[in-house]
Protein backbone atom coordinates (compact mmCIF):
# COMPACT_ATOMS: atom_id res chain seq x y z
CA MET A 1 124.47 85.53 47.35
CA LYS A 2 127.01 85.13 50.06
CA PRO A 3 125.98 83.35 53.18
CA SER A 4 125.71 85.29 56.39
CA LYS A 5 128.58 85.51 58.93
CA GLN A 6 126.53 83.47 61.32
CA GLU A 7 126.30 80.62 58.69
CA ARG A 8 130.02 80.86 57.95
CA ASN A 9 130.67 80.64 61.74
CA CYS A 10 128.39 77.68 62.14
CA ILE A 11 130.33 75.82 59.49
CA MET A 12 133.71 76.76 61.11
CA LEU A 13 132.58 75.79 64.67
CA ALA A 14 131.28 72.44 63.34
CA LEU A 15 134.56 71.82 61.38
CA ASN A 16 136.56 72.80 64.50
CA SER A 17 134.63 70.45 66.79
CA HIS A 18 134.56 67.43 64.33
CA TYR A 19 137.58 67.57 62.07
CA THR A 20 139.23 64.83 63.92
CA CYS A 21 136.41 62.31 63.25
CA THR A 22 137.58 60.03 60.48
CA GLN A 23 133.85 59.51 59.38
CA LEU A 24 133.29 63.27 58.93
CA THR A 25 131.49 63.70 55.63
CA ALA A 26 129.42 66.37 54.00
CA GLU A 27 126.42 64.65 55.13
CA ARG A 28 127.56 64.46 58.83
CA LEU A 29 128.84 67.95 58.72
CA ALA A 30 125.38 69.10 57.53
CA GLU A 31 123.61 67.07 60.39
CA HIS A 32 125.92 68.65 63.01
CA ILE A 33 125.02 72.08 61.69
CA GLY A 34 121.28 71.26 61.33
CA ILE A 35 120.98 71.94 57.52
CA SER A 36 120.57 69.83 54.35
CA VAL A 37 123.68 68.65 52.49
CA ARG A 38 122.39 70.67 49.48
CA HIS A 39 122.36 73.90 51.53
CA LEU A 40 125.67 73.04 53.14
CA ASN A 41 127.01 72.55 49.57
CA ASN A 42 125.67 75.92 48.42
CA LEU A 43 127.15 77.66 51.45
CA CYS A 44 130.55 76.23 51.03
CA HIS A 45 130.63 77.12 47.35
CA ALA A 46 129.44 80.73 48.03
CA TYR A 47 131.70 81.36 51.06
CA PHE A 48 134.71 79.22 50.62
CA GLY A 49 134.72 78.41 46.76
CA LYS A 50 134.96 74.71 47.69
CA THR A 51 132.74 71.71 48.14
CA PRO A 52 132.05 70.62 51.67
CA SER A 53 134.55 67.34 51.23
CA LYS A 54 137.21 69.91 49.97
CA LEU A 55 136.58 72.23 52.81
CA ILE A 56 137.02 69.40 55.44
CA GLN A 57 140.29 68.12 53.72
CA TRP A 58 141.63 71.80 53.47
CA TYR A 59 140.65 72.36 57.27
CA ARG A 60 142.47 69.16 58.39
CA ILE A 61 145.54 70.20 56.30
CA GLN A 62 145.49 73.66 58.03
CA LYS A 63 145.38 72.02 61.39
CA ALA A 64 148.08 69.73 60.70
CA LEU A 65 150.28 72.76 59.55
CA GLU A 66 149.36 74.48 62.51
CA PHE A 67 150.31 71.64 64.98
CA TYR A 68 153.50 71.06 62.89
CA SER A 69 154.69 74.78 63.27
CA THR A 70 153.72 74.76 66.84
CA ILE A 71 155.41 71.69 68.15
CA GLY A 72 158.12 71.07 65.53
CA LYS A 73 158.90 68.05 63.30
CA GLU A 74 160.74 66.25 66.12
CA HIS A 75 157.44 65.81 68.02
CA PHE A 76 154.92 65.77 65.18
CA VAL A 77 152.84 62.64 64.61
CA CYS A 78 150.23 62.48 62.08
CA SER A 79 147.68 61.01 64.47
CA MET A 80 147.70 64.15 66.30
CA VAL A 81 145.50 65.65 63.81
C-alpha cells in the first residue's frame, strides 16, 4: 500500500528542513515527523523505493547538484550543502 500524499509531503518537508544537519539519521528524521522508525522505513520503501538513510543521501546529492547548477563550479563549495 502506498503512503498518502500527506505522508510523502511530511517526509519531504522534514528532509528539506533538516538535510544540512550532519547528524540526520533515520531515527532523527522519524522524530521530526513524529512517527516510528519502522513506519518511516515502510513509507520510504513504499513511496521512494529506498531506505530512509538512502533517501537522505539521495536528497543531499540532489540539493548539491541543484546548487552546483545554480551558482556554477567556480563558486561552489561542498560545505554549502
